[in-house]
Protein backbone atom coordinates (compact mmCIF):
# COMPACT_ATOMS: atom_id res chain seq x y z
CA UNK A 1 0.00 0.00 0.00
CA UNK A 2 1.37 3.41 -0.91
CA UNK A 3 2.17 5.50 2.15
CA UNK A 4 1.27 9.14 1.56
CA UNK A 5 3.04 10.35 4.72
CA UNK A 6 3.33 9.78 8.46
CA UNK A 7 2.15 12.00 11.27
CA UNK A 8 3.87 10.93 14.46
CA UNK A 9 2.96 7.29 14.95
CA UNK A 10 0.08 7.42 12.43
CA UNK A 11 0.29 6.26 8.83
CA UNK A 12 -1.72 8.06 6.14
CA UNK A 13 -1.98 5.78 3.11
CA UNK A 14 -3.96 4.33 0.20
CA UNK A 15 -4.67 0.67 -0.36
CA UNK A 16 -3.06 -0.63 -3.55
CA UNK A 17 -6.41 -1.94 -4.76
CA UNK A 18 -8.98 0.71 -3.89
CA UNK A 19 -11.76 -1.10 -5.72
CA UNK A 20 -13.40 -1.30 -9.11
CA UNK A 21 -14.87 1.14 -9.84
CA UNK A 22 -12.41 3.40 -8.11
CA UNK A 23 -14.01 5.41 -5.31
CA UNK A 24 -13.56 9.08 -4.49
CA UNK A 25 -10.16 10.35 -3.31
CA UNK A 26 -9.60 9.24 0.28
CA UNK A 27 -6.93 8.14 2.71
CA UNK A 28 -6.78 5.52 5.41
CA UNK A 29 -5.23 6.37 8.77
CA UNK A 30 -3.99 3.92 11.36
CA UNK A 31 -1.52 3.88 14.19
CA UNK A 32 1.67 1.87 13.86
CA UNK A 33 0.98 0.06 10.61
CA UNK A 34 -1.79 -0.34 8.00
CA UNK A 35 -4.84 -2.16 9.25
CA UNK A 36 -8.06 -3.53 7.76
CA UNK A 37 -9.89 -1.53 10.46
CA UNK A 38 -8.25 1.78 9.54
CA UNK A 39 -10.06 5.09 9.74
CA UNK A 40 -11.22 6.34 6.32
CA UNK A 41 -11.23 10.04 5.39
CA UNK A 42 -12.51 11.46 2.11
CA UNK A 43 -10.79 14.48 0.57
CA UNK A 44 -13.22 16.97 -0.96
CA UNK A 45 -12.67 18.98 -4.14
CA UNK A 46 -12.03 22.00 -1.87
CA UNK A 47 -9.29 20.07 0.00
CA UNK A 48 -11.26 19.48 3.19
CA UNK A 49 -11.55 16.20 5.11
CA UNK A 50 -14.77 14.30 5.72
CA UNK A 51 -14.48 11.35 8.08
CA UNK A 52 -16.21 8.36 6.50
CA UNK A 53 -15.64 6.19 9.58
CA UNK A 54 -13.25 5.92 12.51
CA UNK A 55 -12.97 2.16 12.85
CA UNK A 56 -9.45 2.37 14.27
CA UNK A 57 -10.92 4.49 17.10
CA UNK A 58 -8.42 7.33 16.88
CA UNK A 59 -9.25 9.73 19.74
CA UNK A 60 -11.31 12.68 18.48
CA UNK A 61 -8.77 15.39 19.29
CA UNK A 62 -5.99 13.41 17.60
CA UNK A 63 -8.11 12.73 14.51
CA UNK A 64 -9.02 16.43 14.23
CA UNK A 65 -5.32 17.35 14.30
CA UNK A 66 -4.47 14.70 11.71
CA UNK A 67 -7.29 15.97 9.47
CA UNK A 68 -5.92 19.52 9.74
CA UNK A 69 -2.55 18.28 8.50
CA UNK A 70 -4.16 16.24 5.71
CA UNK A 71 -6.14 19.33 4.66
CA UNK A 72 -2.96 21.43 4.61
CA UNK A 73 -1.36 18.79 2.38
CA UNK A 74 -4.47 17.92 0.36
CA UNK A 75 -2.95 18.90 -3.01
CA UNK A 76 -0.10 16.48 -2.30
CA UNK A 77 -2.61 13.75 -1.39
CA UNK A 78 -4.63 14.30 -4.57
CA UNK A 79 -1.45 14.40 -6.67
CA UNK A 80 -0.24 11.08 -5.23
CA UNK A 81 -3.72 9.58 -5.72
CA UNK A 82 -3.73 10.66 -9.38
CA UNK A 83 -0.18 9.35 -9.90
CA UNK A 84 -1.16 5.98 -8.40
CA UNK A 85 -4.63 5.47 -9.91
CA UNK A 86 -4.66 7.70 -13.02
CA UNK A 87 -7.90 9.49 -12.11
CA UNK A 88 -9.35 11.48 -9.27
CA UNK A 89 -13.05 11.78 -8.38
CA UNK A 90 -14.35 13.52 -5.30
CA UNK A 91 -17.12 12.69 -2.82
CA UNK A 92 -18.17 16.33 -2.92
PDB file of N, CA and C in Angstrom:
ATOM      1  N   UNK A   1       0.838  -1.159   0.000  1.00  0.00           N
ATOM      2  CA  UNK A   1       0.000   0.000   0.000  1.00  0.00           C
ATOM      3  C   UNK A   1       0.887   1.226   0.000  1.00  0.00           C
ATOM      4  N   UNK A   2       0.561   2.191  -0.847  1.00  0.00           N
ATOM      5  CA  UNK A   2       1.367   3.414  -0.908  1.00  0.00           C
ATOM      6  C   UNK A   2       1.153   4.294   0.325  1.00  0.00           C
ATOM      7  N   UNK A   3       2.236   4.581   1.009  1.00  0.00           N
ATOM      8  CA  UNK A   3       2.171   5.497   2.147  1.00  0.00           C
ATOM      9  C   UNK A   3       2.228   6.916   1.602  1.00  0.00           C
ATOM     10  N   UNK A   4       1.282   7.745   1.983  1.00  0.00           N
ATOM     11  CA  UNK A   4       1.271   9.135   1.562  1.00  0.00           C
ATOM     12  C   UNK A   4       2.241   9.911   2.444  1.00  0.00           C
ATOM     13  N   UNK A   5       2.105   9.778   3.765  1.00  0.00           N
ATOM     14  CA  UNK A   5       3.043  10.347   4.718  1.00  0.00           C
ATOM     15  C   UNK A   5       2.717   9.808   6.105  1.00  0.00           C
ATOM     16  N   UNK A   6       3.552  10.164   7.068  1.00  0.00           N
ATOM     17  CA  UNK A   6       3.325   9.784   8.458  1.00  0.00           C
ATOM     18  C   UNK A   6       3.162  11.032   9.296  1.00  0.00           C
ATOM     19  N   UNK A   7       2.342  10.919  10.303  1.00  0.00           N
ATOM     20  CA  UNK A   7       2.153  11.996  11.275  1.00  0.00           C
ATOM     21  C   UNK A   7       2.378  11.359  12.640  1.00  0.00           C
ATOM     22  N   UNK A   8       3.523  11.600  13.210  1.00  0.00           N
ATOM     23  CA  UNK A   8       3.869  10.935  14.459  1.00  0.00           C
ATOM     24  C   UNK A   8       3.834   9.432  14.253  1.00  0.00           C
ATOM     25  N   UNK A   9       3.077   8.737  15.069  1.00  0.00           N
ATOM     26  CA  UNK A   9       2.961   7.287  14.947  1.00  0.00           C
ATOM     27  C   UNK A   9       1.846   6.830  14.015  1.00  0.00           C
ATOM     28  N   UNK A  10       1.201   7.757  13.308  1.00  0.00           N
ATOM     29  CA  UNK A  10       0.075   7.417  12.434  1.00  0.00           C
ATOM     30  C   UNK A  10       0.499   7.387  10.969  1.00  0.00           C
ATOM     31  N   UNK A  11       0.072   6.373  10.266  1.00  0.00           N
ATOM     32  CA  UNK A  11       0.287   6.261   8.825  1.00  0.00           C
ATOM     33  C   UNK A  11      -0.930   6.837   8.113  1.00  0.00           C
ATOM     34  N   UNK A  12      -0.683   7.572   7.047  1.00  0.00           N
ATOM     35  CA  UNK A  12      -1.719   8.062   6.139  1.00  0.00           C
ATOM     36  C   UNK A  12      -1.393   7.412   4.801  1.00  0.00           C
ATOM     37  N   UNK A  13      -2.322   6.600   4.270  1.00  0.00           N
ATOM     38  CA  UNK A  13      -1.984   5.777   3.113  1.00  0.00           C
ATOM     39  C   UNK A  13      -3.207   5.451   2.272  1.00  0.00           C
ATOM     40  N   UNK A  14      -2.928   4.898   1.083  1.00  0.00           N
ATOM     41  CA  UNK A  14      -3.960   4.328   0.204  1.00  0.00           C
ATOM     42  C   UNK A  14      -3.766   2.819   0.222  1.00  0.00           C
ATOM     43  N   UNK A  15      -4.823   2.093  -0.062  1.00  0.00           N
ATOM     44  CA  UNK A  15      -4.670   0.670  -0.357  1.00  0.00           C
ATOM     45  C   UNK A  15      -4.275   0.556  -1.821  1.00  0.00           C
ATOM     46  N   UNK A  16      -3.483  -0.434  -2.164  1.00  0.00           N
ATOM     47  CA  UNK A  16      -3.057  -0.627  -3.545  1.00  0.00           C
ATOM     48  C   UNK A  16      -4.254  -0.869  -4.448  1.00  0.00           C
ATOM     49  N   UNK A  17      -5.209  -1.658  -3.983  1.00  0.00           N
ATOM     50  CA  UNK A  17      -6.409  -1.940  -4.762  1.00  0.00           C
ATOM     51  C   UNK A  17      -7.578  -1.249  -4.064  1.00  0.00           C
ATOM     52  N   UNK A  18      -7.908  -0.064  -4.524  1.00  0.00           N
ATOM     53  CA  UNK A  18      -8.976   0.714  -3.890  1.00  0.00           C
ATOM     54  C   UNK A  18     -10.355   0.373  -4.442  1.00  0.00           C
ATOM     55  N   UNK A  19     -10.451  -0.662  -5.253  1.00  0.00           N
ATOM     56  CA  UNK A  19     -11.760  -1.102  -5.719  1.00  0.00           C
ATOM     57  C   UNK A  19     -12.011  -0.803  -7.183  1.00  0.00           C
ATOM     58  N   UNK A  20     -13.005  -1.471  -7.713  1.00  0.00           N
ATOM     59  CA  UNK A  20     -13.399  -1.297  -9.107  1.00  0.00           C
ATOM     60  C   UNK A  20     -14.916  -1.222  -9.133  1.00  0.00           C
ATOM     61  N   UNK A  21     -15.521  -0.100  -9.397  1.00  0.00           N
ATOM     62  CA  UNK A  21     -14.873   1.138  -9.843  1.00  0.00           C
ATOM     63  C   UNK A  21     -14.170   1.853  -8.696  1.00  0.00           C
ATOM     64  N   UNK A  22     -13.188   2.645  -9.075  1.00  0.00           N
ATOM     65  CA  UNK A  22     -12.406   3.402  -8.105  1.00  0.00           C
ATOM     66  C   UNK A  22     -13.290   4.422  -7.395  1.00  0.00           C
ATOM     67  N   UNK A  23     -13.200   4.470  -6.099  1.00  0.00           N
ATOM     68  CA  UNK A  23     -14.006   5.408  -5.314  1.00  0.00           C
ATOM     69  C   UNK A  23     -13.419   6.805  -5.315  1.00  0.00           C
ATOM     70  N   UNK A  24     -14.073   7.711  -4.613  1.00  0.00           N
ATOM     71  CA  UNK A  24     -13.559   9.079  -4.491  1.00  0.00           C
ATOM     72  C   UNK A  24     -12.208   9.111  -3.758  1.00  0.00           C
ATOM     73  N   UNK A  25     -11.456  10.179  -3.961  1.00  0.00           N
ATOM     74  CA  UNK A  25     -10.157  10.346  -3.312  1.00  0.00           C
ATOM     75  C   UNK A  25     -10.339  10.248  -1.792  1.00  0.00           C
ATOM     76  N   UNK A  26      -9.553   9.395  -1.163  1.00  0.00           N
ATOM     77  CA  UNK A  26      -9.598   9.239   0.283  1.00  0.00           C
ATOM     78  C   UNK A  26      -8.283   8.648   0.780  1.00  0.00           C
ATOM     79  N   UNK A  27      -8.081   8.751   2.071  1.00  0.00           N
ATOM     80  CA  UNK A  27      -6.926   8.136   2.708  1.00  0.00           C
ATOM     81  C   UNK A  27      -7.411   7.266   3.856  1.00  0.00           C
ATOM     82  N   UNK A  28      -6.564   6.342   4.223  1.00  0.00           N
ATOM     83  CA  UNK A  28      -6.783   5.518   5.406  1.00  0.00           C
ATOM     84  C   UNK A  28      -5.749   5.967   6.437  1.00  0.00           C
ATOM     85  N   UNK A  29      -6.118   5.933   7.693  1.00  0.00           N
ATOM     86  CA  UNK A  29      -5.229   6.367   8.768  1.00  0.00           C
ATOM     87  C   UNK A  29      -5.251   5.302   9.855  1.00  0.00           C
ATOM     88  N   UNK A  30      -4.068   4.873  10.251  1.00  0.00           N
ATOM     89  CA  UNK A  30      -3.991   3.918  11.356  1.00  0.00           C
ATOM     90  C   UNK A  30      -2.696   4.142  12.118  1.00  0.00           C
ATOM     91  N   UNK A  31      -2.690   3.698  13.341  1.00  0.00           N
ATOM     92  CA  UNK A  31      -1.517   3.876  14.186  1.00  0.00           C
ATOM     93  C   UNK A  31      -0.600   2.670  14.046  1.00  0.00           C
ATOM     94  N   UNK A  32       0.680   2.941  13.888  1.00  0.00           N
ATOM     95  CA  UNK A  32       1.669   1.869  13.864  1.00  0.00           C
ATOM     96  C   UNK A  32       1.892   1.248  12.508  1.00  0.00           C
ATOM     97  N   UNK A  33       0.855   0.693  11.924  1.00  0.00           N
ATOM     98  CA  UNK A  33       0.976   0.062  10.609  1.00  0.00           C
ATOM     99  C   UNK A  33      -0.408  -0.010   9.972  1.00  0.00           C
ATOM    100  N   UNK A  34      -0.481  -0.214   8.669  1.00  0.00           N
ATOM    101  CA  UNK A  34      -1.789  -0.341   8.000  1.00  0.00           C
ATOM    102  C   UNK A  34      -2.620  -1.458   8.610  1.00  0.00           C
ATOM    103  N   UNK A  35      -3.924  -1.220   8.629  1.00  0.00           N
ATOM    104  CA  UNK A  35      -4.845  -2.157   9.249  1.00  0.00           C
ATOM    105  C   UNK A  35      -6.139  -2.220   8.448  1.00  0.00           C
ATOM    106  N   UNK A  36      -6.765  -3.383   8.428  1.00  0.00           N
ATOM    107  CA  UNK A  36      -8.060  -3.530   7.761  1.00  0.00           C
ATOM    108  C   UNK A  36      -9.133  -2.688   8.445  1.00  0.00           C
ATOM    109  N   UNK A  37      -8.924  -2.349   9.702  1.00  0.00           N
ATOM    110  CA  UNK A  37      -9.887  -1.532  10.460  1.00  0.00           C
ATOM    111  C   UNK A  37      -9.461  -0.071  10.540  1.00  0.00           C
ATOM    112  N   UNK A  38      -8.753   0.404   9.524  1.00  0.00           N
ATOM    113  CA  UNK A  38      -8.246   1.779   9.544  1.00  0.00           C
ATOM    114  C   UNK A  38      -9.380   2.787   9.399  1.00  0.00           C
ATOM    115  N   UNK A  39      -9.146   3.954   9.909  1.00  0.00           N
ATOM    116  CA  UNK A  39     -10.056   5.086   9.743  1.00  0.00           C
ATOM    117  C   UNK A  39     -10.001   5.518   8.284  1.00  0.00           C
ATOM    118  N   UNK A  40     -11.150   5.908   7.713  1.00  0.00           N
ATOM    119  CA  UNK A  40     -11.216   6.344   6.319  1.00  0.00           C
ATOM    120  C   UNK A  40     -11.682   7.789   6.266  1.00  0.00           C
ATOM    121  N   UNK A  41     -10.935   8.614   5.513  1.00  0.00           N
ATOM    122  CA  UNK A  41     -11.234  10.036   5.394  1.00  0.00           C
ATOM    123  C   UNK A  41     -11.269  10.414   3.921  1.00  0.00           C
ATOM    124  N   UNK A  42     -12.404  10.976   3.481  1.00  0.00           N
ATOM    125  CA  UNK A  42     -12.514  11.464   2.107  1.00  0.00           C
ATOM    126  C   UNK A  42     -11.893  12.849   2.022  1.00  0.00           C
ATOM    127  N   UNK A  43     -11.307  13.154   0.853  1.00  0.00           N
ATOM    128  CA  UNK A  43     -10.790  14.484   0.567  1.00  0.00           C
ATOM    129  C   UNK A  43     -11.764  15.127  -0.414  1.00  0.00           C
ATOM    130  N   UNK A  44     -12.266  16.298  -0.077  1.00  0.00           N
ATOM    131  CA  UNK A  44     -13.223  16.975  -0.957  1.00  0.00           C
ATOM    132  C   UNK A  44     -12.483  17.754  -2.049  1.00  0.00           C
ATOM    133  N   UNK A  45     -13.230  18.173  -3.051  1.00  0.00           N
ATOM    134  CA  UNK A  45     -12.666  18.979  -4.138  1.00  0.00           C
ATOM    135  C   UNK A  45     -12.017  20.257  -3.587  1.00  0.00           C
ATOM    136  N   UNK A  46     -12.561  20.792  -2.493  1.00  0.00           N
ATOM    137  CA  UNK A  46     -12.027  22.003  -1.867  1.00  0.00           C
ATOM    138  C   UNK A  46     -10.833  21.715  -0.951  1.00  0.00           C
ATOM    139  N   UNK A  47     -10.437  20.432  -0.827  1.00  0.00           N
ATOM    140  CA  UNK A  47      -9.295  20.069  -0.001  1.00  0.00           C
ATOM    141  C   UNK A  47      -9.597  19.852   1.462  1.00  0.00           C
ATOM    142  N   UNK A  48     -10.860  19.725   1.803  1.00  0.00           N
ATOM    143  CA  UNK A  48     -11.260  19.475   3.189  1.00  0.00           C
ATOM    144  C   UNK A  48     -11.387  17.978   3.439  1.00  0.00           C
ATOM    145  N   UNK A  49     -11.397  17.601   4.709  1.00  0.00           N
ATOM    146  CA  UNK A  49     -11.547  16.201   5.109  1.00  0.00           C
ATOM    147  C   UNK A  49     -12.969  15.940   5.590  1.00  0.00           C
ATOM    148  N   UNK A  50     -13.502  14.812   5.191  1.00  0.00           N
ATOM    149  CA  UNK A  50     -14.772  14.302   5.719  1.00  0.00           C
ATOM    150  C   UNK A  50     -14.497  12.895   6.232  1.00  0.00           C
ATOM    151  N   UNK A  51     -14.725  12.670   7.508  1.00  0.00           N
ATOM    152  CA  UNK A  51     -14.477  11.350   8.077  1.00  0.00           C
ATOM    153  C   UNK A  51     -15.603  10.419   7.650  1.00  0.00           C
ATOM    154  N   UNK A  52     -15.250   9.382   6.927  1.00  0.00           N
ATOM    155  CA  UNK A  52     -16.209   8.358   6.502  1.00  0.00           C
ATOM    156  C   UNK A  52     -16.521   7.451   7.694  1.00  0.00           C
ATOM    157  N   UNK A  53     -15.485   6.982   8.356  1.00  0.00           N
ATOM    158  CA  UNK A  53     -15.641   6.189   9.580  1.00  0.00           C
ATOM    159  C   UNK A  53     -14.327   6.207  10.357  1.00  0.00           C
ATOM    160  N   UNK A  54     -14.422   5.939  11.636  1.00  0.00           N
ATOM    161  CA  UNK A  54     -13.254   5.919  12.512  1.00  0.00           C
ATOM    162  C   UNK A  54     -13.149   4.545  13.163  1.00  0.00           C
ATOM    163  N   UNK A  55     -13.013   3.539  12.340  1.00  0.00           N
ATOM    164  CA  UNK A  55     -12.972   2.159  12.847  1.00  0.00           C
ATOM    165  C   UNK A  55     -11.746   1.882  13.696  1.00  0.00           C
ATOM    166  N   UNK A  56     -10.651   2.611  13.460  1.00  0.00           N
ATOM    167  CA  UNK A  56      -9.454   2.373  14.269  1.00  0.00           C
ATOM    168  C   UNK A  56      -9.518   3.128  15.602  1.00  0.00           C
ATOM    169  N   UNK A  57     -10.637   3.826  15.832  1.00  0.00           N
ATOM    170  CA  UNK A  57     -10.921   4.489  17.104  1.00  0.00           C
ATOM    171  C   UNK A  57      -9.816   5.467  17.529  1.00  0.00           C
ATOM    172  N   UNK A  58      -9.378   6.279  16.559  1.00  0.00           N
ATOM    173  CA  UNK A  58      -8.424   7.334  16.875  1.00  0.00           C
ATOM    174  C   UNK A  58      -9.160   8.348  17.760  1.00  0.00           C
ATOM    175  N   UNK A  59      -8.576   8.750  18.875  1.00  0.00           N
ATOM    176  CA  UNK A  59      -9.248   9.734  19.738  1.00  0.00           C
ATOM    177  C   UNK A  59      -9.618  10.991  18.940  1.00  0.00           C
ATOM    178  N   UNK A  60     -10.784  11.555  19.245  1.00  0.00           N
ATOM    179  CA  UNK A  60     -11.313  12.682  18.482  1.00  0.00           C
ATOM    180  C   UNK A  60     -10.354  13.838  18.312  1.00  0.00           C
ATOM    181  N   UNK A  61      -9.692  14.252  19.399  1.00  0.00           N
ATOM    182  CA  UNK A  61      -8.774  15.393  19.291  1.00  0.00           C
ATOM    183  C   UNK A  61      -7.573  15.071  18.415  1.00  0.00           C
ATOM    184  N   UNK A  62      -7.115  13.834  18.438  1.00  0.00           N
ATOM    185  CA  UNK A  62      -5.991  13.414  17.598  1.00  0.00           C
ATOM    186  C   UNK A  62      -6.423  13.384  16.136  1.00  0.00           C
ATOM    187  N   UNK A  63      -7.609  12.812  15.879  1.00  0.00           N
ATOM    188  CA  UNK A  63      -8.108  12.733  14.508  1.00  0.00           C
ATOM    189  C   UNK A  63      -8.332  14.123  13.927  1.00  0.00           C
ATOM    190  N   UNK A  64      -8.846  15.049  14.716  1.00  0.00           N
ATOM    191  CA  UNK A  64      -9.023  16.432  14.228  1.00  0.00           C
ATOM    192  C   UNK A  64      -7.687  17.046  13.824  1.00  0.00           C
ATOM    193  N   UNK A  65      -6.654  16.822  14.627  1.00  0.00           N
ATOM    194  CA  UNK A  65      -5.325  17.351  14.299  1.00  0.00           C
ATOM    195  C   UNK A  65      -4.758  16.691  13.043  1.00  0.00           C
ATOM    196  N   UNK A  66      -4.936  15.397  12.916  1.00  0.00           N
ATOM    197  CA  UNK A  66      -4.474  14.698  11.714  1.00  0.00           C
ATOM    198  C   UNK A  66      -5.206  15.246  10.492  1.00  0.00           C
ATOM    199  N   UNK A  67      -6.513  15.440  10.607  1.00  0.00           N
ATOM    200  CA  UNK A  67      -7.290  15.970   9.473  1.00  0.00           C
ATOM    201  C   UNK A  67      -6.817  17.369   9.089  1.00  0.00           C
ATOM    202  N   UNK A  68      -6.449  18.185  10.058  1.00  0.00           N
ATOM    203  CA  UNK A  68      -5.924  19.524   9.739  1.00  0.00           C
ATOM    204  C   UNK A  68      -4.647  19.423   8.915  1.00  0.00           C
ATOM    205  N   UNK A  69      -3.795  18.472   9.247  1.00  0.00           N
ATOM    206  CA  UNK A  69      -2.550  18.279   8.496  1.00  0.00           C
ATOM    207  C   UNK A  69      -2.855  17.740   7.111  1.00  0.00           C
ATOM    208  N   UNK A  70      -3.773  16.779   7.024  1.00  0.00           N
ATOM    209  CA  UNK A  70      -4.162  16.237   5.710  1.00  0.00           C
ATOM    210  C   UNK A  70      -4.747  17.354   4.847  1.00  0.00           C
ATOM    211  N   UNK A  71      -5.569  18.212   5.420  1.00  0.00           N
ATOM    212  CA  UNK A  71      -6.139  19.331   4.656  1.00  0.00           C
ATOM    213  C   UNK A  71      -5.035  20.265   4.159  1.00  0.00           C
ATOM    214  N   UNK A  72      -4.060  20.548   4.999  1.00  0.00           N
ATOM    215  CA  UNK A  72      -2.964  21.429   4.606  1.00  0.00           C
ATOM    216  C   UNK A  72      -2.130  20.815   3.483  1.00  0.00           C
ATOM    217  N   UNK A  73      -2.141  19.488   3.401  1.00  0.00           N
ATOM    218  CA  UNK A  73      -1.362  18.785   2.377  1.00  0.00           C
ATOM    219  C   UNK A  73      -2.261  18.114   1.337  1.00  0.00           C
ATOM    220  N   UNK A  74      -3.501  18.593   1.231  1.00  0.00           N
ATOM    221  CA  UNK A  74      -4.472  17.919   0.355  1.00  0.00           C
ATOM    222  C   UNK A  74      -4.037  17.893  -1.110  1.00  0.00           C
ATOM    223  N   UNK A  75      -3.387  18.933  -1.600  1.00  0.00           N
ATOM    224  CA  UNK A  75      -2.946  18.905  -3.006  1.00  0.00           C
ATOM    225  C   UNK A  75      -1.904  17.812  -3.216  1.00  0.00           C
ATOM    226  N   UNK A  76      -1.066  17.582  -2.230  1.00  0.00           N
ATOM    227  CA  UNK A  76      -0.098  16.483  -2.298  1.00  0.00           C
ATOM    228  C   UNK A  76      -0.822  15.131  -2.305  1.00  0.00           C
ATOM    229  N   UNK A  77      -1.830  14.990  -1.454  1.00  0.00           N
ATOM    230  CA  UNK A  77      -2.605  13.745  -1.394  1.00  0.00           C
ATOM    231  C   UNK A  77      -3.267  13.470  -2.742  1.00  0.00           C
ATOM    232  N   UNK A  78      -3.933  14.479  -3.291  1.00  0.00           N
ATOM    233  CA  UNK A  78      -4.628  14.303  -4.575  1.00  0.00           C
ATOM    234  C   UNK A  78      -3.614  13.992  -5.676  1.00  0.00           C
ATOM    235  N   UNK A  79      -2.482  14.666  -5.672  1.00  0.00           N
ATOM    236  CA  UNK A  79      -1.446  14.396  -6.667  1.00  0.00           C
ATOM    237  C   UNK A  79      -0.929  12.971  -6.596  1.00  0.00           C
ATOM    238  N   UNK A  80      -0.711  12.471  -5.390  1.00  0.00           N
ATOM    239  CA  UNK A  80      -0.243  11.085  -5.229  1.00  0.00           C
ATOM    240  C   UNK A  80      -1.335  10.095  -5.624  1.00  0.00           C
ATOM    241  N   UNK A  81      -2.599  10.433  -5.312  1.00  0.00           N
ATOM    242  CA  UNK A  81      -3.716   9.579  -5.721  1.00  0.00           C
ATOM    243  C   UNK A  81      -3.747   9.470  -7.243  1.00  0.00           C
ATOM    244  N   UNK A  82      -3.676  10.631  -7.920  1.00  0.00           N
ATOM    245  CA  UNK A  82      -3.733  10.656  -9.384  1.00  0.00           C
ATOM    246  C   UNK A  82      -2.547   9.897  -9.977  1.00  0.00           C
ATOM    247  N   UNK A  83      -1.365  10.066  -9.410  1.00  0.00           N
ATOM    248  CA  UNK A  83      -0.180   9.355  -9.900  1.00  0.00           C
ATOM    249  C   UNK A  83      -0.341   7.842  -9.742  1.00  0.00           C
ATOM    250  N   UNK A  84      -0.993   7.424  -8.676  1.00  0.00           N
ATOM    251  CA  UNK A  84      -1.163   5.984  -8.404  1.00  0.00           C
ATOM    252  C   UNK A  84      -2.294   5.368  -9.225  1.00  0.00           C
ATOM    253  N   UNK A  85      -3.437   6.070  -9.325  1.00  0.00           N
ATOM    254  CA  UNK A  85      -4.625   5.474  -9.911  1.00  0.00           C
ATOM    255  C   UNK A  85      -5.006   6.042 -11.278  1.00  0.00           C
ATOM    256  N   UNK A  86      -4.403   7.157 -11.684  1.00  0.00           N
ATOM    257  CA  UNK A  86      -4.655   7.705 -13.016  1.00  0.00           C
ATOM    258  C   UNK A  86      -5.941   8.478 -13.169  1.00  0.00           C
ATOM    259  N   UNK A  87      -6.655   8.688 -12.099  1.00  0.00           N
ATOM    260  CA  UNK A  87      -7.896   9.486 -12.112  1.00  0.00           C
ATOM    261  C   UNK A  87      -8.182   9.940 -10.692  1.00  0.00           C
ATOM    262  N   UNK A  88      -8.973  10.988 -10.582  1.00  0.00           N
ATOM    263  CA  UNK A  88      -9.352  11.483  -9.265  1.00  0.00           C
ATOM    264  C   UNK A  88     -10.783  11.986  -9.320  1.00  0.00           C
ATOM    265  N   UNK A  89     -11.661  11.324  -8.554  1.00  0.00           N
ATOM    266  CA  UNK A  89     -13.049  11.778  -8.375  1.00  0.00           C
ATOM    267  C   UNK A  89     -13.180  12.190  -6.915  1.00  0.00           C
ATOM    268  N   UNK A  90     -14.178  13.016  -6.658  1.00  0.00           N
ATOM    269  CA  UNK A  90     -14.349  13.515  -5.299  1.00  0.00           C
ATOM    270  C   UNK A  90     -15.752  13.201  -4.783  1.00  0.00           C
ATOM    271  N   UNK A  91     -15.840  12.961  -3.468  1.00  0.00           N
ATOM    272  CA  UNK A  91     -17.119  12.689  -2.820  1.00  0.00           C
ATOM    273  C   UNK A  91     -18.024  13.912  -2.933  1.00  0.00           C
ATOM    274  N   UNK A  92     -17.437  15.079  -2.752  1.00  0.00           N
ATOM    275  CA  UNK A  92     -18.172  16.331  -2.920  1.00  0.00           C
ATOM    276  C   UNK A  92     -17.192  17.466  -3.136  1.00  0.00           C
TER     277      UNK A  92
END
